Amino acid sequence: MSTDLGPTERTRERERARSRRGRSRGRFLVWLLRLIVAASVFAAGLAVGRALESSSGSGDTNTTVRTLEVTTLTPQQTVTVTVSNP
């Protein structure tokens, strides 16, 4: 601020500066809130992942082995369809 300004100009300059500070404070608070929400979602995801991992049981592997027998299928009735071009 320069000293050449009259009382009304000084008042306007102060109001502008106050307005700029308010806007930058608001932006900061919005970004801070976004950061807090993102960190909370990340922490919740980690907690769910760990809970699912720890509830997988005793850790033993259960393997089932089945042998499939090959069988031949007898074909059903065969139908031939002929289409002529008009």
Protein backbone atom coordinates (compact mmCIF):
# COMPACT_ATOMS: atom_id res chain seq x y z
CA MET A 1 0.00 0.00 0.00
CA SER A 2 1.27 3.42 -0.81
CA THR A 3 0.77 6.52 1.30
CA ASP A 4 -0.69 8.49 -1.64
CA LEU A 5 -4.07 6.82 -1.17
CA GLY A 6 -6.93 8.70 0.40
CA PRO A 7 -9.18 7.26 3.13
CA THR A 8 -11.66 5.68 0.71
CA GLU A 9 -8.92 4.11 -1.40
CA ARG A 10 -7.26 2.66 1.71
CA THR A 11 -10.56 1.20 2.84
CA ARG A 12 -11.13 -0.38 -0.57
CA GLU A 13 -7.59 -1.77 -0.59
CA ARG A 14 -8.07 -3.32 2.87
CA GLU A 15 -11.36 -4.89 1.79
CA ARG A 16 -9.75 -6.37 -1.30
CA ALA A 17 -6.87 -7.80 0.73
CA ARG A 18 -9.30 -9.25 3.28
CA SER A 19 -11.35 -10.76 0.47
CA ARG A 20 -8.26 -12.35 -1.09
CA ARG A 21 -7.23 -13.84 2.25
CA GLY A 22 -10.72 -15.25 2.76
CA ARG A 23 -10.72 -16.90 -0.65
CA SER A 24 -7.30 -18.46 -0.16
CA ARG A 25 -8.31 -19.67 3.30
CA GLY A 26 -11.45 -21.22 1.82
CA ARG A 27 -9.46 -23.00 -0.87
CA PHE A 28 -7.04 -24.28 1.73
CA LEU A 29 -9.88 -25.64 3.86
CA VAL A 30 -11.47 -27.34 0.85
CA TRP A 31 -8.19 -29.05 -0.06
CA LEU A 32 -7.58 -29.99 3.57
CA LEU A 33 -11.03 -31.57 3.74
CA ARG A 34 -10.39 -33.47 0.50
CA LEU A 35 -7.08 -34.76 1.87
CA ILE A 36 -8.72 -35.91 5.11
CA VAL A 37 -11.49 -37.73 3.19
CA ALA A 38 -8.96 -39.42 0.90
CA ALA A 39 -6.84 -40.54 3.86
CA SER A 40 -9.94 -41.88 5.63
CA VAL A 41 -11.03 -43.87 2.57
CA PHE A 42 -7.51 -45.27 2.20
CA ALA A 43 -7.38 -46.29 5.88
CA ALA A 44 -10.80 -47.91 5.64
CA GLY A 45 -9.67 -49.88 2.58
CA LEU A 46 -6.58 -51.09 4.41
CA ALA A 47 -8.68 -52.14 7.40
CA VAL A 48 -11.14 -54.08 5.24
CA GLY A 49 -8.28 -55.76 3.36
CA ARG A 50 -6.59 -56.85 6.56
CA ALA A 51 -9.86 -58.11 8.02
CA LEU A 52 -10.56 -60.20 4.93
CA GLU A 53 -7.03 -61.54 4.95
CA SER A 54 -7.12 -62.55 8.60
CA SER A 55 -10.53 -64.21 8.38
CA SER A 56 -9.40 -66.67 5.70
CA GLY A 57 -9.37 -69.52 8.21
CA SER A 58 -6.57 -71.58 9.63
CA GLY A 59 -4.38 -71.13 6.59
CA ASP A 60 -4.48 -74.79 5.56
CA THR A 61 -4.91 -75.50 1.88
CA ASN A 62 -7.87 -77.64 0.94
CA THR A 63 -7.38 -79.35 -2.42
CA THR A 64 -10.02 -81.53 -4.06
CA VAL A 65 -8.97 -83.93 -6.82
CA ARG A 66 -11.56 -85.43 -9.13
CA THR A 67 -11.00 -87.71 -12.08
CA LEU A 68 -13.34 -87.24 -15.00
CA GLU A 69 -14.18 -90.22 -17.14
CA VAL A 70 -14.36 -89.77 -20.87
CA THR A 71 -17.61 -91.01 -22.33
CA THR A 72 -18.86 -90.87 -25.86
CA LEU A 73 -22.21 -89.39 -26.61
CA THR A 74 -24.36 -90.94 -29.25
CA PRO A 75 -25.63 -88.33 -31.67
CA GLN A 76 -29.30 -87.54 -31.72
CA GLN A 77 -31.29 -87.42 -34.94
CA THR A 78 -29.55 -85.39 -37.66
CA VAL A 79 -31.66 -82.83 -39.55
CA THR A 80 -30.60 -81.13 -42.79
CA VAL A 81 -32.12 -77.77 -43.71
CA THR A 82 -31.85 -76.51 -47.29
CA VAL A 83 -32.61 -72.90 -48.15
CA SER A 84 -33.02 -71.73 -51.72
CA ASN A 85 -32.18 -68.22 -52.87
CA PRO A 86 -35.18 -66.33 -54.33
